[in-house]
Amino acid sequence: MRPRFPAGPVSSRRACRASSRRWKKQGALIRERCPDDARRVQLRLSDQGYRTVSEITPESVAIYRELEHKFGSDRVATLIDMLNELVDMD
């Protein structure tokens, strides 16, 4: 199963947190405490995460550009937020 990847820039903190939790759960993202500040965390892609991003980026970019051309960037951002909320209802 591929980790879910937003079609474009993540447009809210909530969507970012939800995406990062899913990626971590699926083994694509590694979350570590910041060595300089224990209140912060650092996120990095695992090897699996890099493979996934490399595999899906070209298709994701093409889809995002087509949607943005048809509907505009604001509507696409709203759509992505709504879809993330829908997925998070599980």
Protein backbone atom coordinates (compact mmCIF):
# COMPACT_ATOMS: atom_id res chain seq x y z
CA MET A 1 0.00 0.00 0.00
CA ARG A 2 1.38 3.41 -0.96
CA PRO A 3 1.41 6.15 1.65
CA ARG A 4 -1.05 8.89 0.74
CA PHE A 5 0.73 11.86 -0.76
CA PRO A 6 -0.88 15.27 -1.17
CA ALA A 7 -1.30 16.34 -4.78
CA GLY A 8 0.31 19.67 -4.01
CA PRO A 9 1.53 21.74 -1.10
CA VAL A 10 -0.05 20.86 2.22
CA SER A 11 -2.22 23.83 3.02
CA SER A 12 -2.85 23.47 6.74
CA ARG A 13 -1.12 22.29 9.90
CA ARG A 14 -3.89 19.78 10.46
CA ALA A 15 -3.41 18.28 7.00
CA CYS A 16 0.35 18.21 7.52
CA ARG A 17 0.00 16.41 10.87
CA ALA A 18 -2.46 13.92 9.40
CA SER A 19 -0.22 13.21 6.42
CA SER A 20 2.89 12.81 8.56
CA ARG A 21 1.08 10.40 10.93
CA ARG A 22 -0.03 8.25 8.00
CA TRP A 23 3.42 8.24 6.43
CA LYS A 24 5.02 7.32 9.78
CA LYS A 25 2.53 4.52 10.38
CA GLN A 26 3.28 3.13 6.91
CA GLY A 27 7.04 3.26 7.43
CA ALA A 28 7.77 6.04 4.95
CA LEU A 29 8.61 8.73 7.51
CA ILE A 30 10.94 8.71 10.51
CA ARG A 31 10.15 11.01 13.44
CA GLU A 32 12.93 11.85 15.89
CA ARG A 33 13.34 14.28 18.77
CA CYS A 34 15.46 17.29 17.91
CA PRO A 35 18.81 16.88 19.71
CA ASP A 36 19.03 20.64 20.39
CA ASP A 37 15.46 21.16 21.61
CA ALA A 38 13.41 18.31 23.13
CA ARG A 39 10.18 20.21 22.42
CA ARG A 40 10.70 19.83 18.70
CA VAL A 41 10.77 16.86 16.37
CA GLN A 42 12.58 16.25 13.13
CA LEU A 43 10.97 14.37 10.28
CA ARG A 44 12.83 12.59 7.52
CA LEU A 45 11.93 10.15 4.83
CA SER A 46 12.93 6.53 5.28
CA ASP A 47 14.42 4.63 2.34
CA GLN A 48 10.90 3.42 1.59
CA GLY A 49 9.69 7.02 1.72
CA TYR A 50 12.31 8.15 -0.81
CA ARG A 51 11.35 5.30 -3.14
CA THR A 52 7.67 6.17 -2.84
CA VAL A 53 8.23 9.87 -3.47
CA SER A 54 10.42 9.13 -6.49
CA GLU A 55 7.79 6.79 -7.87
CA ILE A 56 4.72 8.98 -7.44
CA THR A 57 6.06 12.51 -7.90
CA PRO A 58 5.80 12.76 -11.71
CA GLU A 59 2.19 11.52 -11.73
CA SER A 60 1.28 13.64 -8.70
CA VAL A 61 2.69 16.81 -10.27
CA ALA A 62 0.87 16.18 -13.55
CA ILE A 63 -2.46 15.62 -11.77
CA TYR A 64 -2.02 18.69 -9.57
CA ARG A 65 -1.20 20.90 -12.58
CA GLU A 66 -4.22 19.66 -14.50
CA LEU A 67 -6.56 20.26 -11.54
CA GLU A 68 -5.05 23.68 -10.87
CA HIS A 69 -5.46 24.63 -14.52
CA LYS A 70 -9.13 23.57 -14.51
CA PHE A 71 -10.18 24.82 -11.06
CA GLY A 72 -7.54 27.23 -9.73
CA SER A 73 -5.11 26.79 -6.86
CA ASP A 74 -7.47 27.96 -4.09
CA ARG A 75 -10.16 25.44 -4.99
CA VAL A 76 -7.59 22.64 -5.33
CA ALA A 77 -6.18 23.46 -1.87
CA THR A 78 -9.71 23.36 -0.42
CA LEU A 79 -10.36 20.04 -2.13
CA ILE A 80 -7.15 18.53 -0.75
CA ASP A 81 -8.02 19.69 2.78
CA MET A 82 -11.51 18.21 2.47
CA LEU A 83 -10.18 14.89 1.17
CA ASN A 84 -7.65 14.72 4.03
CA GLU A 85 -10.47 15.32 6.52
CA LEU A 86 -12.52 12.58 4.90
CA VAL A 87 -9.65 10.09 5.12
CA ASP A 88 -9.06 11.06 8.77
CA MET A 89 -12.64 10.09 9.65
CA ASP A 90 -11.62 6.40 9.71
